[in-house]
Amino acid sequence: NYFQFLSYRTKTSISAKDIDRYLSSKGYTHQVEDKYKNSDTYQVPSNQSKLVGQSHHFIDQMNRFGANGAMTFAVAGHESGWGRSYLARMIKIREQQKGIES
């Protein structure tokens, strides 16, 4: 398997728009609303994910730090239940937190 031995430092040609299109094709079109922050995963509407609107971060971190953006996105999706898990919903997006510099 080619991907099994692919270096994590290999840059991807996938763009943030490609990631957005992928999320949309999976039915995730809206950011999770704050009212679902402390609710059970299954109560969150099926079209909501914390990953929606965050695709540029995966590409930015690839360009800044060298870690493959597509692989980071895949791991984030897998580990967070596509941005719908309880823990994923508890995390505030960095730009929304006051006092934290990027």
C-alpha atoms as a PDB file:
ATOM      1  CA  ASN A   1       0.000   0.000   0.000  1.00  0.00           C
ATOM      2  CA  TYR A   2       1.546   3.278  -1.168  1.00  0.00           C
ATOM      3  CA  PHE A   3       0.005   5.365   1.615  1.00  0.00           C
ATOM      4  CA  GLN A   4       1.243   3.029   4.332  1.00  0.00           C
ATOM      5  CA  PHE A   5       4.826   4.174   3.723  1.00  0.00           C
ATOM      6  CA  LEU A   6       4.133   7.778   2.666  1.00  0.00           C
ATOM      7  CA  SER A   7       6.028  10.266   4.820  1.00  0.00           C
ATOM      8  CA  TYR A   8       3.880  12.520   6.979  1.00  0.00           C
ATOM      9  CA  ARG A   9       6.078  15.385   5.739  1.00  0.00           C
ATOM     10  CA  THR A  10       4.940  14.885   2.122  1.00  0.00           C
ATOM     11  CA  LYS A  11       2.866  17.854   0.981  1.00  0.00           C
ATOM     12  CA  THR A  12      -0.561  17.175  -0.478  1.00  0.00           C
ATOM     13  CA  SER A  13      -2.066  18.751  -3.576  1.00  0.00           C
ATOM     14  CA  ILE A  14      -5.500  18.766  -1.908  1.00  0.00           C
ATOM     15  CA  SER A  15      -6.802  22.279  -1.262  1.00  0.00           C
ATOM     16  CA  ALA A  16      -9.026  23.662   1.483  1.00  0.00           C
ATOM     17  CA  LYS A  17     -11.856  23.770  -1.078  1.00  0.00           C
ATOM     18  CA  ASP A  18     -11.348  20.051  -1.751  1.00  0.00           C
ATOM     19  CA  ILE A  19     -11.707  19.347   1.970  1.00  0.00           C
ATOM     20  CA  ASP A  20     -14.849  21.496   2.119  1.00  0.00           C
ATOM     21  CA  ARG A  21     -16.311  19.623  -0.867  1.00  0.00           C
ATOM     22  CA  TYR A  22     -15.529  16.303   0.794  1.00  0.00           C
ATOM     23  CA  LEU A  23     -17.263  17.335   4.028  1.00  0.00           C
ATOM     24  CA  SER A  24     -20.249  18.566   2.032  1.00  0.00           C
ATOM     25  CA  SER A  25     -20.419  15.260   0.124  1.00  0.00           C
ATOM     26  CA  LYS A  26     -20.582  13.482   3.506  1.00  0.00           C
ATOM     27  CA  GLY A  27     -23.537  15.716   4.446  1.00  0.00           C
ATOM     28  CA  TYR A  28     -21.697  18.076   6.809  1.00  0.00           C
ATOM     29  CA  THR A  29     -22.637  21.590   5.756  1.00  0.00           C
ATOM     30  CA  HIS A  30     -22.881  23.573   8.996  1.00  0.00           C
ATOM     31  CA  GLN A  31     -20.736  24.240  12.068  1.00  0.00           C
ATOM     32  CA  VAL A  32     -22.073  22.667  15.304  1.00  0.00           C
ATOM     33  CA  GLU A  33     -24.270  25.184  17.106  1.00  0.00           C
ATOM     34  CA  ASP A  34     -23.263  26.202  20.651  1.00  0.00           C
ATOM     35  CA  LYS A  35     -26.492  24.826  22.102  1.00  0.00           C
ATOM     36  CA  TYR A  36     -25.199  21.308  21.326  1.00  0.00           C
ATOM     37  CA  LYS A  37     -21.920  21.872  23.166  1.00  0.00           C
ATOM     38  CA  ASN A  38     -22.858  19.729  26.175  1.00  0.00           C
ATOM     39  CA  SER A  39     -25.425  17.463  24.529  1.00  0.00           C
ATOM     40  CA  ASP A  40     -25.230  13.835  23.492  1.00  0.00           C
ATOM     41  CA  THR A  41     -23.606  13.212  20.073  1.00  0.00           C
ATOM     42  CA  TYR A  42     -26.800  11.742  18.635  1.00  0.00           C
ATOM     43  CA  GLN A  43     -28.804  14.901  19.341  1.00  0.00           C
ATOM     44  CA  VAL A  44     -26.604  17.004  17.070  1.00  0.00           C
ATOM     45  CA  PRO A  45     -28.283  17.516  13.675  1.00  0.00           C
ATOM     46  CA  SER A  46     -26.770  15.220  11.061  1.00  0.00           C
ATOM     47  CA  ASN A  47     -25.487  18.110   8.903  1.00  0.00           C
ATOM     48  CA  GLN A  48     -23.353  19.699  11.647  1.00  0.00           C
ATOM     49  CA  SER A  49     -19.632  19.159  12.309  1.00  0.00           C
ATOM     50  CA  LYS A  50     -16.894  21.150  14.063  1.00  0.00           C
ATOM     51  CA  LEU A  51     -14.722  20.513  10.987  1.00  0.00           C
ATOM     52  CA  VAL A  52     -16.975  22.612   8.722  1.00  0.00           C
ATOM     53  CA  GLY A  53     -15.277  25.910   7.933  1.00  0.00           C
ATOM     54  CA  GLN A  54     -11.939  24.810   9.366  1.00  0.00           C
ATOM     55  CA  SER A  55     -10.361  23.279   6.258  1.00  0.00           C
ATOM     56  CA  HIS A  56      -7.943  26.168   5.741  1.00  0.00           C
ATOM     57  CA  HIS A  57      -6.283  25.315   9.087  1.00  0.00           C
ATOM     58  CA  PHE A  58      -5.169  21.918   7.765  1.00  0.00           C
ATOM     59  CA  ILE A  59      -3.552  23.475   4.706  1.00  0.00           C
ATOM     60  CA  ASP A  60      -2.066  26.357   6.720  1.00  0.00           C
ATOM     61  CA  GLN A  61      -0.426  23.988   9.213  1.00  0.00           C
ATOM     62  CA  MET A  62       0.982  21.973   6.316  1.00  0.00           C
ATOM     63  CA  ASN A  63       2.554  25.066   4.784  1.00  0.00           C
ATOM     64  CA  ARG A  64       3.786  26.361   8.136  1.00  0.00           C
ATOM     65  CA  PHE A  65       5.028  23.172   9.810  1.00  0.00           C
ATOM     66  CA  GLY A  66       5.346  20.658   6.963  1.00  0.00           C
ATOM     67  CA  ALA A  67       2.849  18.046   8.186  1.00  0.00           C
ATOM     68  CA  ASN A  68       0.620  16.660   5.424  1.00  0.00           C
ATOM     69  CA  GLY A  69      -2.693  18.553   5.538  1.00  0.00           C
ATOM     70  CA  ALA A  70      -4.787  15.746   4.039  1.00  0.00           C
ATOM     71  CA  MET A  71      -3.427  13.213   6.509  1.00  0.00           C
ATOM     72  CA  THR A  72      -3.980  15.599   9.429  1.00  0.00           C
ATOM     73  CA  PHE A  73      -7.579  16.160   8.244  1.00  0.00           C
ATOM     74  CA  ALA A  74      -8.153  12.402   7.973  1.00  0.00           C
ATOM     75  CA  VAL A  75      -6.831  11.796  11.489  1.00  0.00           C
ATOM     76  CA  ALA A  76      -8.900  14.708  12.868  1.00  0.00           C
ATOM     77  CA  GLY A  77     -12.026  13.316  11.226  1.00  0.00           C
ATOM     78  CA  HIS A  78     -11.404   9.813  12.496  1.00  0.00           C
ATOM     79  CA  GLU A  79     -10.460  10.801  16.037  1.00  0.00           C
ATOM     80  CA  SER A  80     -13.325  13.269  16.497  1.00  0.00           C
ATOM     81  CA  GLY A  81     -16.183  11.347  14.882  1.00  0.00           C
ATOM     82  CA  TRP A  82     -16.048  13.847  11.995  1.00  0.00           C
ATOM     83  CA  GLY A  83     -16.147  16.738  14.463  1.00  0.00           C
ATOM     84  CA  ARG A  84     -19.273  15.490  16.195  1.00  0.00           C
ATOM     85  CA  SER A  85     -17.919  13.774  19.318  1.00  0.00           C
ATOM     86  CA  TYR A  86     -18.541  15.252  22.739  1.00  0.00           C
ATOM     87  CA  LEU A  87     -14.865  16.161  23.181  1.00  0.00           C
ATOM     88  CA  ALA A  88     -14.670  17.758  19.729  1.00  0.00           C
ATOM     89  CA  ARG A  89     -17.661  19.930  20.558  1.00  0.00           C
ATOM     90  CA  MET A  90     -16.080  21.051  23.850  1.00  0.00           C
ATOM     91  CA  ILE A  91     -13.065  22.557  22.071  1.00  0.00           C
ATOM     92  CA  LYS A  92     -13.296  26.208  21.114  1.00  0.00           C
ATOM     93  CA  ILE A  93     -11.773  27.158  17.799  1.00  0.00           C
ATOM     94  CA  ARG A  94      -8.566  29.152  18.383  1.00  0.00           C
ATOM     95  CA  GLU A  95      -9.835  32.341  16.719  1.00  0.00           C
ATOM     96  CA  GLN A  96     -12.853  32.368  19.040  1.00  0.00           C
ATOM     97  CA  GLN A  97     -10.762  32.349  22.214  1.00  0.00           C
ATOM     98  CA  LYS A  98      -9.761  35.741  23.568  1.00  0.00           C
ATOM     99  CA  GLY A  99      -6.168  36.350  24.528  1.00  0.00           C
ATOM    100  CA  ILE A 100      -4.613  33.592  22.434  1.00  0.00           C
ATOM    101  CA  GLU A 101      -2.340  34.667  19.607  1.00  0.00           C
ATOM    102  CA  SER A 102      -1.948  32.515  16.513  1.00  0.00           C
END
